[in-house]
mmCIF file of all heavy atoms, coordinates in Angstrom:
data_MODEL
# 
_entry.id   MODEL 
# 
loop_
_atom_site.group_PDB 
_atom_site.id 
_atom_site.type_symbol 
_atom_site.label_atom_id 
_atom_site.label_alt_id 
_atom_site.label_comp_id 
_atom_site.label_asym_id 
_atom_site.label_entity_id 
_atom_site.label_seq_id 
_atom_site.pdbx_PDB_ins_code 
_atom_site.Cartn_x 
_atom_site.Cartn_y 
_atom_site.Cartn_z 
_atom_site.occupancy 
_atom_site.B_iso_or_equiv 
_atom_site.pdbx_formal_charge 
_atom_site.auth_seq_id 
_atom_site.auth_comp_id 
_atom_site.auth_asym_id 
_atom_site.auth_atom_id 
_atom_site.pdbx_PDB_model_num 
ATOM 1   N N   . GLY A 1 1  ? 72.155 -44.351 89.017 1.00 0.00 ? 1  GLY A N   1 
ATOM 2   C CA  . GLY A 1 1  ? 72.780 -45.440 89.710 1.00 0.00 ? 1  GLY A CA  1 
ATOM 3   C C   . GLY A 1 1  ? 73.402 -46.495 88.749 1.00 0.00 ? 1  GLY A C   1 
ATOM 4   O O   . GLY A 1 1  ? 73.938 -47.473 89.258 1.00 0.00 ? 1  GLY A O   1 
ATOM 5   N N   . LEU A 1 2  ? 73.294 -46.222 87.509 1.00 0.00 ? 2  LEU A N   1 
ATOM 6   C CA  . LEU A 1 2  ? 73.824 -47.209 86.475 1.00 0.00 ? 2  LEU A CA  1 
ATOM 7   C C   . LEU A 1 2  ? 75.170 -46.706 85.992 1.00 0.00 ? 2  LEU A C   1 
ATOM 8   O O   . LEU A 1 2  ? 75.416 -45.504 85.998 1.00 0.00 ? 2  LEU A O   1 
ATOM 9   C CB  . LEU A 1 2  ? 72.843 -47.329 85.341 1.00 0.00 ? 2  LEU A CB  1 
ATOM 10  C CG  . LEU A 1 2  ? 71.456 -47.891 85.699 1.00 0.00 ? 2  LEU A CG  1 
ATOM 11  C CD1 . LEU A 1 2  ? 70.476 -47.820 84.455 1.00 0.00 ? 2  LEU A CD1 1 
ATOM 12  C CD2 . LEU A 1 2  ? 71.565 -49.392 86.120 1.00 0.00 ? 2  LEU A CD2 1 
ATOM 13  N N   . PRO A 1 3  ? 76.042 -47.640 85.566 1.00 0.00 ? 3  PRO A N   1 
ATOM 14  C CA  . PRO A 1 3  ? 77.415 -47.163 85.014 1.00 0.00 ? 3  PRO A CA  1 
ATOM 15  C C   . PRO A 1 3  ? 77.277 -46.651 83.628 1.00 0.00 ? 3  PRO A C   1 
ATOM 16  O O   . PRO A 1 3  ? 77.933 -47.200 82.709 1.00 0.00 ? 3  PRO A O   1 
ATOM 17  C CB  . PRO A 1 3  ? 78.194 -48.500 85.131 1.00 0.00 ? 3  PRO A CB  1 
ATOM 18  C CG  . PRO A 1 3  ? 77.146 -49.604 84.907 1.00 0.00 ? 3  PRO A CG  1 
ATOM 19  C CD  . PRO A 1 3  ? 75.894 -49.128 85.600 1.00 0.00 ? 3  PRO A CD  1 
ATOM 20  N N   . ILE A 1 4  ? 76.561 -45.547 83.493 1.00 0.00 ? 4  ILE A N   1 
ATOM 21  C CA  . ILE A 1 4  ? 76.422 -44.969 82.193 1.00 0.00 ? 4  ILE A CA  1 
ATOM 22  C C   . ILE A 1 4  ? 77.439 -43.773 82.046 1.00 0.00 ? 4  ILE A C   1 
ATOM 23  O O   . ILE A 1 4  ? 77.565 -42.929 82.995 1.00 0.00 ? 4  ILE A O   1 
ATOM 24  C CB  . ILE A 1 4  ? 74.974 -44.333 81.968 1.00 0.00 ? 4  ILE A CB  1 
ATOM 25  C CG1 . ILE A 1 4  ? 73.937 -45.504 82.121 1.00 0.00 ? 4  ILE A CG1 1 
ATOM 26  C CG2 . ILE A 1 4  ? 74.863 -43.570 80.656 1.00 0.00 ? 4  ILE A CG2 1 
ATOM 27  C CD1 . ILE A 1 4  ? 72.513 -45.041 82.099 1.00 0.00 ? 4  ILE A CD1 1 
ATOM 28  N N   . VAL A 1 5  ? 78.265 -43.870 81.022 1.00 0.00 ? 5  VAL A N   1 
ATOM 29  C CA  . VAL A 1 5  ? 79.216 -42.852 80.761 1.00 0.00 ? 5  VAL A CA  1 
ATOM 30  C C   . VAL A 1 5  ? 78.664 -41.784 79.929 1.00 0.00 ? 5  VAL A C   1 
ATOM 31  O O   . VAL A 1 5  ? 78.182 -42.002 78.791 1.00 0.00 ? 5  VAL A O   1 
ATOM 32  C CB  . VAL A 1 5  ? 80.505 -43.433 80.143 1.00 0.00 ? 5  VAL A CB  1 
ATOM 33  C CG1 . VAL A 1 5  ? 81.475 -42.332 79.905 1.00 0.00 ? 5  VAL A CG1 1 
ATOM 34  C CG2 . VAL A 1 5  ? 81.105 -44.461 80.954 1.00 0.00 ? 5  VAL A CG2 1 
ATOM 35  N N   . SER A 1 6  ? 78.689 -40.495 80.445 1.00 0.00 ? 6  SER A N   1 
ATOM 36  C CA  . SER A 1 6  ? 78.177 -39.303 79.663 1.00 0.00 ? 6  SER A CA  1 
ATOM 37  C C   . SER A 1 6  ? 79.256 -38.669 78.867 1.00 0.00 ? 6  SER A C   1 
ATOM 38  O O   . SER A 1 6  ? 80.425 -38.667 79.231 1.00 0.00 ? 6  SER A O   1 
ATOM 39  C CB  . SER A 1 6  ? 77.617 -38.288 80.651 1.00 0.00 ? 6  SER A CB  1 
ATOM 40  O OG  . SER A 1 6  ? 76.962 -37.236 79.976 1.00 0.00 ? 6  SER A OG  1 
ATOM 41  N N   . ALA A 1 7  ? 78.904 -38.210 77.701 1.00 0.00 ? 7  ALA A N   1 
ATOM 42  C CA  . ALA A 1 7  ? 79.859 -37.545 76.741 1.00 0.00 ? 7  ALA A CA  1 
ATOM 43  C C   . ALA A 1 7  ? 79.351 -36.192 76.399 1.00 0.00 ? 7  ALA A C   1 
ATOM 44  O O   . ALA A 1 7  ? 78.154 -35.904 76.337 1.00 0.00 ? 7  ALA A O   1 
ATOM 45  C CB  . ALA A 1 7  ? 80.052 -38.406 75.486 1.00 0.00 ? 7  ALA A CB  1 
ATOM 46  N N   . ASP A 1 8  ? 80.286 -35.289 76.187 1.00 0.00 ? 8  ASP A N   1 
ATOM 47  C CA  . ASP A 1 8  ? 79.975 -33.913 75.895 1.00 0.00 ? 8  ASP A CA  1 
ATOM 48  C C   . ASP A 1 8  ? 79.615 -33.551 74.411 1.00 0.00 ? 8  ASP A C   1 
ATOM 49  O O   . ASP A 1 8  ? 78.857 -32.767 74.135 1.00 0.00 ? 8  ASP A O   1 
ATOM 50  C CB  . ASP A 1 8  ? 81.123 -32.983 76.319 1.00 0.00 ? 8  ASP A CB  1 
ATOM 51  C CG  . ASP A 1 8  ? 81.401 -33.022 77.795 1.00 0.00 ? 8  ASP A CG  1 
ATOM 52  O OD1 . ASP A 1 8  ? 80.386 -33.216 78.565 1.00 0.00 ? 8  ASP A OD1 1 
ATOM 53  O OD2 . ASP A 1 8  ? 82.545 -33.034 78.232 1.00 0.00 ? 8  ASP A OD2 1 
ATOM 54  N N   . ASP A 1 9  ? 80.320 -34.316 73.490 1.00 0.00 ? 9  ASP A N   1 
ATOM 55  C CA  . ASP A 1 9  ? 80.082 -34.183 72.082 1.00 0.00 ? 9  ASP A CA  1 
ATOM 56  C C   . ASP A 1 9  ? 80.317 -35.445 71.416 1.00 0.00 ? 9  ASP A C   1 
ATOM 57  O O   . ASP A 1 9  ? 80.700 -36.432 72.041 1.00 0.00 ? 9  ASP A O   1 
ATOM 58  C CB  . ASP A 1 9  ? 80.943 -33.046 71.522 1.00 0.00 ? 9  ASP A CB  1 
ATOM 59  C CG  . ASP A 1 9  ? 82.406 -33.190 71.737 1.00 0.00 ? 9  ASP A CG  1 
ATOM 60  O OD1 . ASP A 1 9  ? 82.924 -34.337 71.524 1.00 0.00 ? 9  ASP A OD1 1 
ATOM 61  O OD2 . ASP A 1 9  ? 83.084 -32.290 72.137 1.00 0.00 ? 9  ASP A OD2 1 
ATOM 62  N N   . LEU A 1 10 ? 80.106 -35.463 70.082 1.00 0.00 ? 10 LEU A N   1 
ATOM 63  C CA  . LEU A 1 10 ? 80.194 -36.684 69.320 1.00 0.00 ? 10 LEU A CA  1 
ATOM 64  C C   . LEU A 1 10 ? 81.551 -37.308 69.448 1.00 0.00 ? 10 LEU A C   1 
ATOM 65  O O   . LEU A 1 10 ? 81.817 -38.484 69.530 1.00 0.00 ? 10 LEU A O   1 
ATOM 66  C CB  . LEU A 1 10 ? 79.742 -36.507 67.851 1.00 0.00 ? 10 LEU A CB  1 
ATOM 67  C CG  . LEU A 1 10 ? 79.683 -37.735 66.980 1.00 0.00 ? 10 LEU A CG  1 
ATOM 68  C CD1 . LEU A 1 10 ? 79.015 -38.931 67.607 1.00 0.00 ? 10 LEU A CD1 1 
ATOM 69  C CD2 . LEU A 1 10 ? 78.980 -37.339 65.634 1.00 0.00 ? 10 LEU A CD2 1 
ATOM 70  N N   . GLY A 1 11 ? 82.607 -36.435 69.133 1.00 0.00 ? 11 GLY A N   1 
ATOM 71  C CA  . GLY A 1 11 ? 84.038 -36.909 69.236 1.00 0.00 ? 11 GLY A CA  1 
ATOM 72  C C   . GLY A 1 11 ? 84.348 -37.548 70.565 1.00 0.00 ? 11 GLY A C   1 
ATOM 73  O O   . GLY A 1 11 ? 85.044 -38.584 70.588 1.00 0.00 ? 11 GLY A O   1 
ATOM 74  N N   . ASP A 1 12 ? 83.899 -36.799 71.604 1.00 0.00 ? 12 ASP A N   1 
ATOM 75  C CA  . ASP A 1 12 ? 84.133 -37.369 72.972 1.00 0.00 ? 12 ASP A CA  1 
ATOM 76  C C   . ASP A 1 12 ? 83.466 -38.648 73.152 1.00 0.00 ? 12 ASP A C   1 
ATOM 77  O O   . ASP A 1 12 ? 84.040 -39.541 73.771 1.00 0.00 ? 12 ASP A O   1 
ATOM 78  C CB  . ASP A 1 12 ? 83.665 -36.341 74.008 1.00 0.00 ? 12 ASP A CB  1 
ATOM 79  C CG  . ASP A 1 12 ? 83.887 -36.668 75.412 1.00 0.00 ? 12 ASP A CG  1 
ATOM 80  O OD1 . ASP A 1 12 ? 85.008 -37.125 75.732 1.00 0.00 ? 12 ASP A OD1 1 
ATOM 81  O OD2 . ASP A 1 12 ? 82.933 -36.493 76.266 1.00 0.00 ? 12 ASP A OD2 1 
ATOM 82  N N   . ALA A 1 13 ? 82.244 -38.829 72.644 1.00 0.00 ? 13 ALA A N   1 
ATOM 83  C CA  . ALA A 1 13 ? 81.438 -40.020 72.813 1.00 0.00 ? 13 ALA A CA  1 
ATOM 84  C C   . ALA A 1 13 ? 82.164 -41.255 72.137 1.00 0.00 ? 13 ALA A C   1 
ATOM 85  O O   . ALA A 1 13 ? 82.281 -42.312 72.703 1.00 0.00 ? 13 ALA A O   1 
ATOM 86  C CB  . ALA A 1 13 ? 80.052 -39.834 72.221 1.00 0.00 ? 13 ALA A CB  1 
ATOM 87  N N   . ALA A 1 14 ? 82.643 -40.971 70.891 1.00 0.00 ? 14 ALA A N   1 
ATOM 88  C CA  . ALA A 1 14 ? 83.327 -42.070 70.178 1.00 0.00 ? 14 ALA A CA  1 
ATOM 89  C C   . ALA A 1 14 ? 84.581 -42.522 70.859 1.00 0.00 ? 14 ALA A C   1 
ATOM 90  O O   . ALA A 1 14 ? 84.871 -43.645 71.051 1.00 0.00 ? 14 ALA A O   1 
ATOM 91  C CB  . ALA A 1 14 ? 83.631 -41.606 68.700 1.00 0.00 ? 14 ALA A CB  1 
ATOM 92  N N   . ARG A 1 15 ? 85.362 -41.523 71.356 1.00 0.00 ? 15 ARG A N   1 
ATOM 93  C CA  . ARG A 1 15 ? 86.649 -41.932 72.057 1.00 0.00 ? 15 ARG A CA  1 
ATOM 94  C C   . ARG A 1 15 ? 86.360 -42.654 73.338 1.00 0.00 ? 15 ARG A C   1 
ATOM 95  O O   . ARG A 1 15 ? 86.992 -43.699 73.652 1.00 0.00 ? 15 ARG A O   1 
ATOM 96  C CB  . ARG A 1 15 ? 87.415 -40.550 72.400 1.00 0.00 ? 15 ARG A CB  1 
ATOM 97  C CG  . ARG A 1 15 ? 88.063 -39.933 71.176 1.00 0.00 ? 15 ARG A CG  1 
ATOM 98  C CD  . ARG A 1 15 ? 88.979 -38.813 71.539 1.00 0.00 ? 15 ARG A CD  1 
ATOM 99  N NE  . ARG A 1 15 ? 88.229 -37.609 72.183 1.00 0.00 ? 15 ARG A NE  1 
ATOM 100 C CZ  . ARG A 1 15 ? 87.731 -36.644 71.455 1.00 0.00 ? 15 ARG A CZ  1 
ATOM 101 N NH1 . ARG A 1 15 ? 87.847 -36.646 70.185 1.00 0.00 ? 15 ARG A NH1 1 
ATOM 102 N NH2 . ARG A 1 15 ? 87.037 -35.694 72.070 1.00 0.00 ? 15 ARG A NH2 1 
ATOM 103 N N   . LYS A 1 16 ? 85.329 -42.231 74.081 1.00 0.00 ? 16 LYS A N   1 
ATOM 104 C CA  . LYS A 1 16 ? 84.956 -42.929 75.330 1.00 0.00 ? 16 LYS A CA  1 
ATOM 105 C C   . LYS A 1 16 ? 84.519 -44.325 75.107 1.00 0.00 ? 16 LYS A C   1 
ATOM 106 O O   . LYS A 1 16 ? 84.853 -45.186 75.868 1.00 0.00 ? 16 LYS A O   1 
ATOM 107 C CB  . LYS A 1 16 ? 83.951 -42.046 76.088 1.00 0.00 ? 16 LYS A CB  1 
ATOM 108 C CG  . LYS A 1 16 ? 84.564 -40.882 76.706 1.00 0.00 ? 16 LYS A CG  1 
ATOM 109 C CD  . LYS A 1 16 ? 83.484 -40.129 77.562 1.00 0.00 ? 16 LYS A CD  1 
ATOM 110 C CE  . LYS A 1 16 ? 84.178 -38.869 78.324 1.00 0.00 ? 16 LYS A CE  1 
ATOM 111 N NZ  . LYS A 1 16 ? 83.195 -38.056 78.998 1.00 0.00 ? 16 LYS A NZ  1 
ATOM 112 N N   . ILE A 1 17 ? 83.600 -44.589 74.150 1.00 0.00 ? 17 ILE A N   1 
ATOM 113 C CA  . ILE A 1 17 ? 83.057 -45.963 73.948 1.00 0.00 ? 17 ILE A CA  1 
ATOM 114 C C   . ILE A 1 17 ? 84.175 -46.875 73.486 1.00 0.00 ? 17 ILE A C   1 
ATOM 115 O O   . ILE A 1 17 ? 84.221 -48.023 73.884 1.00 0.00 ? 17 ILE A O   1 
ATOM 116 C CB  . ILE A 1 17 ? 81.875 -46.013 72.955 1.00 0.00 ? 17 ILE A CB  1 
ATOM 117 C CG1 . ILE A 1 17 ? 81.182 -47.398 72.959 1.00 0.00 ? 17 ILE A CG1 1 
ATOM 118 C CG2 . ILE A 1 17 ? 82.250 -45.629 71.483 1.00 0.00 ? 17 ILE A CG2 1 
ATOM 119 C CD1 . ILE A 1 17 ? 80.699 -47.836 74.336 1.00 0.00 ? 17 ILE A CD1 1 
ATOM 120 N N   . VAL A 1 18 ? 85.102 -46.400 72.579 1.00 0.00 ? 18 VAL A N   1 
ATOM 121 C CA  . VAL A 1 18 ? 86.211 -47.200 72.157 1.00 0.00 ? 18 VAL A CA  1 
ATOM 122 C C   . VAL A 1 18 ? 87.095 -47.572 73.325 1.00 0.00 ? 18 VAL A C   1 
ATOM 123 O O   . VAL A 1 18 ? 87.547 -48.689 73.525 1.00 0.00 ? 18 VAL A O   1 
ATOM 124 C CB  . VAL A 1 18 ? 87.005 -46.540 71.098 1.00 0.00 ? 18 VAL A CB  1 
ATOM 125 C CG1 . VAL A 1 18 ? 88.265 -47.308 70.736 1.00 0.00 ? 18 VAL A CG1 1 
ATOM 126 C CG2 . VAL A 1 18 ? 86.107 -46.403 69.780 1.00 0.00 ? 18 VAL A CG2 1 
ATOM 127 N N   . ALA A 1 19 ? 87.386 -46.595 74.162 1.00 0.00 ? 19 ALA A N   1 
ATOM 128 C CA  . ALA A 1 19 ? 88.184 -46.822 75.345 1.00 0.00 ? 19 ALA A CA  1 
ATOM 129 C C   . ALA A 1 19 ? 87.495 -47.755 76.370 1.00 0.00 ? 19 ALA A C   1 
ATOM 130 O O   . ALA A 1 19 ? 88.177 -48.680 76.956 1.00 0.00 ? 19 ALA A O   1 
ATOM 131 C CB  . ALA A 1 19 ? 88.504 -45.478 76.056 1.00 0.00 ? 19 ALA A CB  1 
ATOM 132 N N   . GLU A 1 20 ? 86.241 -47.610 76.548 1.00 0.00 ? 20 GLU A N   1 
ATOM 133 C CA  . GLU A 1 20 ? 85.470 -48.434 77.491 1.00 0.00 ? 20 GLU A CA  1 
ATOM 134 C C   . GLU A 1 20 ? 85.449 -49.907 77.022 1.00 0.00 ? 20 GLU A C   1 
ATOM 135 O O   . GLU A 1 20 ? 85.580 -50.876 77.823 1.00 0.00 ? 20 GLU A O   1 
ATOM 136 C CB  . GLU A 1 20 ? 84.109 -47.939 77.645 1.00 0.00 ? 20 GLU A CB  1 
ATOM 137 C CG  . GLU A 1 20 ? 83.870 -46.691 78.291 1.00 0.00 ? 20 GLU A CG  1 
ATOM 138 C CD  . GLU A 1 20 ? 84.247 -46.834 79.849 1.00 0.00 ? 20 GLU A CD  1 
ATOM 139 O OE1 . GLU A 1 20 ? 83.903 -47.866 80.461 1.00 0.00 ? 20 GLU A OE1 1 
ATOM 140 O OE2 . GLU A 1 20 ? 84.782 -45.844 80.423 1.00 0.00 ? 20 GLU A OE2 1 
ATOM 141 N N   . VAL A 1 21 ? 85.312 -50.141 75.751 1.00 0.00 ? 21 VAL A N   1 
ATOM 142 C CA  . VAL A 1 21 ? 85.308 -51.499 75.173 1.00 0.00 ? 21 VAL A CA  1 
ATOM 143 C C   . VAL A 1 21 ? 86.688 -52.089 75.344 1.00 0.00 ? 21 VAL A C   1 
ATOM 144 O O   . VAL A 1 21 ? 86.851 -53.255 75.753 1.00 0.00 ? 21 VAL A O   1 
ATOM 145 C CB  . VAL A 1 21 ? 84.841 -51.504 73.680 1.00 0.00 ? 21 VAL A CB  1 
ATOM 146 C CG1 . VAL A 1 21 ? 85.173 -52.811 73.034 1.00 0.00 ? 21 VAL A CG1 1 
ATOM 147 C CG2 . VAL A 1 21 ? 83.390 -51.139 73.600 1.00 0.00 ? 21 VAL A CG2 1 
ATOM 148 N N   . LYS A 1 22 ? 87.808 -51.374 75.098 1.00 0.00 ? 22 LYS A N   1 
ATOM 149 C CA  . LYS A 1 22 ? 89.058 -51.868 75.220 1.00 0.00 ? 22 LYS A CA  1 
ATOM 150 C C   . LYS A 1 22 ? 89.370 -52.257 76.730 1.00 0.00 ? 22 LYS A C   1 
ATOM 151 O O   . LYS A 1 22 ? 90.019 -53.198 77.046 1.00 0.00 ? 22 LYS A O   1 
ATOM 152 C CB  . LYS A 1 22 ? 90.124 -50.889 74.786 1.00 0.00 ? 22 LYS A CB  1 
ATOM 153 C CG  . LYS A 1 22 ? 90.180 -50.684 73.243 1.00 0.00 ? 22 LYS A CG  1 
ATOM 154 C CD  . LYS A 1 22 ? 91.178 -49.692 72.785 1.00 0.00 ? 22 LYS A CD  1 
ATOM 155 C CE  . LYS A 1 22 ? 91.258 -49.544 71.270 1.00 0.00 ? 22 LYS A CE  1 
ATOM 156 N NZ  . LYS A 1 22 ? 92.265 -48.555 70.823 1.00 0.00 ? 22 LYS A NZ  1 
ATOM 157 N N   . LYS A 1 23 ? 88.858 -51.371 77.621 1.00 0.00 ? 23 LYS A N   1 
ATOM 158 C CA  . LYS A 1 23 ? 89.069 -51.615 79.041 1.00 0.00 ? 23 LYS A CA  1 
ATOM 159 C C   . LYS A 1 23 ? 88.327 -52.840 79.496 1.00 0.00 ? 23 LYS A C   1 
ATOM 160 O O   . LYS A 1 23 ? 88.852 -53.678 80.326 1.00 0.00 ? 23 LYS A O   1 
ATOM 161 C CB  . LYS A 1 23 ? 88.508 -50.377 79.828 1.00 0.00 ? 23 LYS A CB  1 
ATOM 162 C CG  . LYS A 1 23 ? 88.802 -50.331 81.345 1.00 0.00 ? 23 LYS A CG  1 
ATOM 163 C CD  . LYS A 1 23 ? 88.021 -49.349 82.059 1.00 0.00 ? 23 LYS A CD  1 
ATOM 164 C CE  . LYS A 1 23 ? 88.215 -47.918 81.514 1.00 0.00 ? 23 LYS A CE  1 
ATOM 165 N NZ  . LYS A 1 23 ? 87.335 -46.975 82.247 1.00 0.00 ? 23 LYS A NZ  1 
ATOM 166 N N   . ALA A 1 24 ? 87.099 -53.040 78.956 1.00 0.00 ? 24 ALA A N   1 
ATOM 167 C CA  . ALA A 1 24 ? 86.376 -54.165 79.355 1.00 0.00 ? 24 ALA A CA  1 
ATOM 168 C C   . ALA A 1 24 ? 86.938 -55.555 78.810 1.00 0.00 ? 24 ALA A C   1 
ATOM 169 O O   . ALA A 1 24 ? 86.843 -56.595 79.426 1.00 0.00 ? 24 ALA A O   1 
ATOM 170 C CB  . ALA A 1 24 ? 84.912 -54.119 78.858 1.00 0.00 ? 24 ALA A CB  1 
ATOM 171 N N   . ALA A 1 25 ? 87.626 -55.361 77.665 1.00 0.00 ? 25 ALA A N   1 
ATOM 172 C CA  . ALA A 1 25 ? 88.332 -56.578 77.095 1.00 0.00 ? 25 ALA A CA  1 
ATOM 173 C C   . ALA A 1 25 ? 89.414 -57.080 77.938 1.00 0.00 ? 25 ALA A C   1 
ATOM 174 O O   . ALA A 1 25 ? 89.788 -58.216 77.949 1.00 0.00 ? 25 ALA A O   1 
ATOM 175 C CB  . ALA A 1 25 ? 88.727 -56.282 75.655 1.00 0.00 ? 25 ALA A CB  1 
# 
């Protein structure tokens, strides 16, 4: 029930966290 974003691999994880931070800004 938490807004946790799941990633498939390390590259995917890095791209997603950078995108999420930019979106939050």
